């Protein structure tokens, strides 16, 4: 008999922005993986059936999930991430945007 211990990792997710088409952008806290600091960014848009979803990991800009968004929308998200990565890291390290 083998005993497996599964380590469950829970990430905090912080709101970042809501786009004009109701796509909500949220990001994780900073995640340490293999000595590198990563941030996951999620894009979600409500639909009649549920949600369109896209998830990307920074700094690799690797898309880890995509459902419902078109190629042109994904290109816009890619540009958005390149323009906002420095802020996403800043807010991820500080527990999200502080709104007073």
C-alpha atoms as a PDB file:
ATOM      1  CA  UNK A   1       0.000   0.000   0.000  1.00  0.00           C
ATOM      2  CA  UNK A   2       1.245   3.460  -0.926  1.00  0.00           C
ATOM      3  CA  UNK A   3       0.456   6.684   0.789  1.00  0.00           C
ATOM      4  CA  UNK A   4       0.315   9.768  -1.360  1.00  0.00           C
ATOM      5  CA  UNK A   5       0.328  13.211   0.078  1.00  0.00           C
ATOM      6  CA  UNK A   6      -1.117  15.653  -2.382  1.00  0.00           C
ATOM      7  CA  UNK A   7      -0.154  19.220  -1.740  1.00  0.00           C
ATOM      8  CA  UNK A   8      -2.989  21.535  -2.596  1.00  0.00           C
ATOM      9  CA  UNK A   9      -1.884  25.035  -3.482  1.00  0.00           C
ATOM     10  CA  UNK A  10      -4.379  27.825  -3.099  1.00  0.00           C
ATOM     11  CA  UNK A  11      -3.795  31.063  -4.938  1.00  0.00           C
ATOM     12  CA  UNK A  12      -5.338  34.358  -4.003  1.00  0.00           C
ATOM     13  CA  UNK A  13      -6.994  36.079  -6.940  1.00  0.00           C
ATOM     14  CA  UNK A  14      -7.255  39.857  -7.094  1.00  0.00           C
ATOM     15  CA  UNK A  15      -9.484  41.987  -9.363  1.00  0.00           C
ATOM     16  CA  UNK A  16      -7.591  44.143 -11.822  1.00  0.00           C
ATOM     17  CA  UNK A  17      -9.982  45.522 -14.434  1.00  0.00           C
ATOM     18  CA  UNK A  18     -13.319  45.048 -16.191  1.00  0.00           C
ATOM     19  CA  UNK A  19     -13.171  45.641 -19.945  1.00  0.00           C
ATOM     20  CA  UNK A  20     -15.946  47.268 -22.012  1.00  0.00           C
ATOM     21  CA  UNK A  21     -17.328  43.866 -23.145  1.00  0.00           C
ATOM     22  CA  UNK A  22     -17.684  42.785 -19.468  1.00  0.00           C
ATOM     23  CA  UNK A  23     -14.506  40.680 -19.550  1.00  0.00           C
ATOM     24  CA  UNK A  24     -13.102  40.688 -16.027  1.00  0.00           C
ATOM     25  CA  UNK A  25      -9.342  40.537 -15.593  1.00  0.00           C
ATOM     26  CA  UNK A  26      -8.030  39.094 -12.325  1.00  0.00           C
ATOM     27  CA  UNK A  27      -4.544  38.041 -11.269  1.00  0.00           C
ATOM     28  CA  UNK A  28      -2.968  35.739  -8.716  1.00  0.00           C
ATOM     29  CA  UNK A  29      -0.541  36.548  -5.993  1.00  0.00           C
ATOM     30  CA  UNK A  30       3.127  35.974  -6.896  1.00  0.00           C
ATOM     31  CA  UNK A  31       3.788  32.251  -7.261  1.00  0.00           C
ATOM     32  CA  UNK A  32       7.318  30.914  -6.757  1.00  0.00           C
ATOM     33  CA  UNK A  33       8.042  28.094  -9.240  1.00  0.00           C
ATOM     34  CA  UNK A  34      11.521  26.741  -9.829  1.00  0.00           C
ATOM     35  CA  UNK A  35      13.082  29.902  -8.435  1.00  0.00           C
ATOM     36  CA  UNK A  36      11.044  32.155 -10.736  1.00  0.00           C
ATOM     37  CA  UNK A  37       8.250  34.537  -9.782  1.00  0.00           C
ATOM     38  CA  UNK A  38       5.090  33.879 -11.788  1.00  0.00           C
ATOM     39  CA  UNK A  39       1.681  35.520 -11.907  1.00  0.00           C
ATOM     40  CA  UNK A  40      -1.425  33.918 -13.429  1.00  0.00           C
ATOM     41  CA  UNK A  41      -3.795  36.267 -15.210  1.00  0.00           C
ATOM     42  CA  UNK A  42      -7.382  35.179 -15.874  1.00  0.00           C
ATOM     43  CA  UNK A  43      -9.811  36.704 -18.358  1.00  0.00           C
ATOM     44  CA  UNK A  44     -13.493  35.787 -17.879  1.00  0.00           C
ATOM     45  CA  UNK A  45     -16.530  37.030 -19.762  1.00  0.00           C
ATOM     46  CA  UNK A  46     -20.093  35.997 -18.906  1.00  0.00           C
ATOM     47  CA  UNK A  47     -22.113  34.229 -21.616  1.00  0.00           C
ATOM     48  CA  UNK A  48     -25.580  32.700 -21.705  1.00  0.00           C
ATOM     49  CA  UNK A  49     -24.010  29.252 -21.119  1.00  0.00           C
ATOM     50  CA  UNK A  50     -21.474  30.280 -18.473  1.00  0.00           C
ATOM     51  CA  UNK A  51     -18.161  32.014 -19.163  1.00  0.00           C
ATOM     52  CA  UNK A  52     -15.550  32.500 -21.858  1.00  0.00           C
ATOM     53  CA  UNK A  53     -12.201  31.904 -20.166  1.00  0.00           C
ATOM     54  CA  UNK A  54      -8.541  32.522 -20.950  1.00  0.00           C
ATOM     55  CA  UNK A  55      -5.605  32.089 -18.553  1.00  0.00           C
ATOM     56  CA  UNK A  56      -2.003  33.099 -19.040  1.00  0.00           C
ATOM     57  CA  UNK A  57       1.127  32.675 -16.955  1.00  0.00           C
ATOM     58  CA  UNK A  58       3.629  35.506 -16.737  1.00  0.00           C
ATOM     59  CA  UNK A  59       6.515  35.986 -17.443  1.00  0.00           C
ATOM     60  CA  UNK A  60       6.368  33.218 -20.088  1.00  0.00           C
ATOM     61  CA  UNK A  61       3.131  34.561 -21.628  1.00  0.00           C
ATOM     62  CA  UNK A  62       2.061  30.930 -21.975  1.00  0.00           C
ATOM     63  CA  UNK A  63      -1.688  30.429 -22.385  1.00  0.00           C
ATOM     64  CA  UNK A  64      -2.780  27.597 -20.102  1.00  0.00           C
ATOM     65  CA  UNK A  65      -6.506  27.714 -20.869  1.00  0.00           C
ATOM     66  CA  UNK A  66      -8.707  29.119 -23.596  1.00  0.00           C
ATOM     67  CA  UNK A  67     -12.432  28.659 -24.130  1.00  0.00           C
ATOM     68  CA  UNK A  68     -14.722  30.922 -26.145  1.00  0.00           C
ATOM     69  CA  UNK A  69     -12.441  33.836 -27.044  1.00  0.00           C
ATOM     70  CA  UNK A  70     -11.618  34.457 -30.723  1.00  0.00           C
ATOM     71  CA  UNK A  71      -8.097  34.679 -32.162  1.00  0.00           C
ATOM     72  CA  UNK A  72      -8.407  38.463 -32.492  1.00  0.00           C
ATOM     73  CA  UNK A  73      -9.518  38.768 -28.851  1.00  0.00           C
ATOM     74  CA  UNK A  74      -6.547  36.661 -27.782  1.00  0.00           C
ATOM     75  CA  UNK A  75      -4.219  39.002 -29.695  1.00  0.00           C
ATOM     76  CA  UNK A  76      -5.709  41.958 -27.821  1.00  0.00           C
ATOM     77  CA  UNK A  77      -5.177  40.119 -24.514  1.00  0.00           C
ATOM     78  CA  UNK A  78      -1.573  39.408 -25.494  1.00  0.00           C
ATOM     79  CA  UNK A  79      -0.931  43.119 -26.133  1.00  0.00           C
ATOM     80  CA  UNK A  80      -2.772  43.968 -22.911  1.00  0.00           C
ATOM     81  CA  UNK A  81      -0.506  41.631 -20.932  1.00  0.00           C
ATOM     82  CA  UNK A  82       2.683  43.016 -22.454  1.00  0.00           C
ATOM     83  CA  UNK A  83       1.552  46.550 -21.565  1.00  0.00           C
ATOM     84  CA  UNK A  84       0.397  45.686 -18.047  1.00  0.00           C
ATOM     85  CA  UNK A  85       2.807  42.965 -16.859  1.00  0.00           C
ATOM     86  CA  UNK A  86       4.841  45.339 -14.693  1.00  0.00           C
ATOM     87  CA  UNK A  87       1.678  46.525 -12.923  1.00  0.00           C
ATOM     88  CA  UNK A  88       0.297  43.010 -12.540  1.00  0.00           C
ATOM     89  CA  UNK A  89       3.534  41.960 -10.806  1.00  0.00           C
ATOM     90  CA  UNK A  90       3.487  45.062  -8.616  1.00  0.00           C
ATOM     91  CA  UNK A  91      -0.084  44.457  -7.475  1.00  0.00           C
ATOM     92  CA  UNK A  92       0.459  40.701  -7.119  1.00  0.00           C
ATOM     93  CA  UNK A  93       3.350  41.352  -4.726  1.00  0.00           C
ATOM     94  CA  UNK A  94       1.295  43.856  -2.706  1.00  0.00           C
ATOM     95  CA  UNK A  95      -1.971  41.935  -2.323  1.00  0.00           C
ATOM     96  CA  UNK A  96      -3.901  43.527  -5.172  1.00  0.00           C
ATOM     97  CA  UNK A  97      -4.815  47.107  -5.986  1.00  0.00           C
ATOM     98  CA  UNK A  98      -5.412  49.185  -2.891  1.00  0.00           C
ATOM     99  CA  UNK A  99      -8.490  51.350  -3.428  1.00  0.00           C
ATOM    100  CA  UNK A 100      -9.131  53.896  -0.728  1.00  0.00           C
END
